Amino acid sequence: MPHAKILLPAQCRGARGLLGWSQGDLADRAGVSRSTVKDFETERHALHHSTERLLIDALETGGVALIPPDDAGAGVRLKLAS
């Protein structure tokens, strides 16, 4: 499957906020280091595609939907409970 979604640092911070997760919580759930999350969110470095996928999967499994950028910008929202 081609790399389709792109995670922006602000989306990552916003998604964590909606979920009530710390950087460490996200790192644990994604299987990456906290410094990876911190450095990405503070725009110190970009993510490898595989790391980005881990973060996206963790956030989406946690209950948020990432909204791709459009004229209004990118976003994030809580998923409806099923």
Protein backbone atom coordinates (compact mmCIF):
# COMPACT_ATOMS: atom_id res chain seq x y z
CA MET A 1 0.00 0.00 0.00
CA PRO A 2 1.45 3.39 -0.89
CA HIS A 3 2.23 5.91 1.80
CA ALA A 4 -0.99 7.91 1.85
CA LYS A 5 -1.33 9.80 5.12
CA ILE A 6 0.98 12.51 6.33
CA LEU A 7 1.13 13.45 10.00
CA LEU A 8 1.93 17.07 10.81
CA PRO A 9 3.54 18.06 14.13
CA ALA A 10 0.52 20.20 15.10
CA GLN A 11 -1.84 17.30 14.34
CA CYS A 12 0.23 15.04 16.54
CA ARG A 13 0.12 17.52 19.44
CA GLY A 14 -3.62 18.07 18.93
CA ALA A 15 -4.39 14.36 18.75
CA ARG A 16 -2.48 13.72 21.96
CA GLY A 17 -4.39 16.55 23.60
CA LEU A 18 -7.76 15.11 22.57
CA LEU A 19 -6.73 11.71 23.90
CA GLY A 20 -5.15 13.09 27.08
CA TRP A 21 -1.85 11.41 26.22
CA SER A 22 1.64 12.61 27.09
CA GLN A 23 4.48 12.30 24.60
CA GLY A 24 5.55 9.24 26.57
CA ASP A 25 2.09 7.68 26.27
CA LEU A 26 2.15 8.05 22.50
CA ALA A 27 5.72 6.79 22.31
CA ASP A 28 4.83 3.69 24.34
CA ARG A 29 1.75 2.93 22.25
CA ALA A 30 3.65 3.43 18.98
CA GLY A 31 6.78 1.57 20.06
CA VAL A 32 9.12 4.53 19.54
CA SER A 33 11.20 6.65 21.91
CA ARG A 34 9.76 9.71 23.64
CA SER A 35 12.56 11.78 22.12
CA THR A 36 11.33 10.76 18.65
CA VAL A 37 7.87 12.15 19.45
CA LYS A 38 9.31 15.26 21.11
CA ASP A 39 11.73 16.02 18.27
CA PHE A 40 8.97 15.55 15.68
CA GLU A 41 6.44 17.72 17.52
CA THR A 42 8.97 20.51 18.03
CA GLU A 43 9.98 20.21 14.36
CA ARG A 44 13.58 19.30 15.18
CA HIS A 45 13.45 16.48 12.65
CA ALA A 46 11.11 14.78 10.20
CA LEU A 47 9.93 11.22 10.65
CA HIS A 48 10.85 8.19 8.60
CA HIS A 49 7.75 6.88 6.80
CA SER A 50 7.73 3.72 8.93
CA THR A 51 7.86 5.74 12.18
CA GLU A 52 5.15 8.08 10.92
CA ARG A 53 2.95 5.05 10.20
CA LEU A 54 3.49 3.76 13.76
CA LEU A 55 2.40 7.11 15.22
CA ILE A 56 -0.63 7.37 12.91
CA ASP A 57 -1.71 3.82 13.75
CA ALA A 58 -1.35 4.44 17.50
CA LEU A 59 -3.33 7.69 17.36
CA GLU A 60 -6.09 6.23 15.21
CA THR A 61 -6.33 3.11 17.38
CA GLY A 62 -6.51 5.43 20.38
CA GLY A 63 -9.63 7.05 18.98
CA VAL A 64 -8.82 10.04 16.80
CA ALA A 65 -9.35 10.67 13.11
CA LEU A 66 -6.67 12.63 11.28
CA ILE A 67 -8.14 15.08 8.79
CA PRO A 68 -6.00 15.65 5.70
CA PRO A 69 -5.08 19.22 4.76
CA ASP A 70 -7.50 21.16 2.61
CA ASP A 71 -8.18 24.88 2.12
CA ALA A 72 -8.86 25.19 5.87
CA GLY A 73 -5.72 23.25 6.84
CA ALA A 74 -5.16 19.86 8.47
CA GLY A 75 -7.02 18.73 11.55
CA VAL A 76 -7.86 16.04 14.05
CA ARG A 77 -11.09 15.00 15.74
CA LEU A 78 -12.32 12.35 18.13
CA LYS A 79 -13.93 9.38 16.42
CA LEU A 80 -17.52 8.58 17.24
CA ALA A 81 -17.86 5.72 19.70
CA SER A 82 -19.04 2.61 17.88
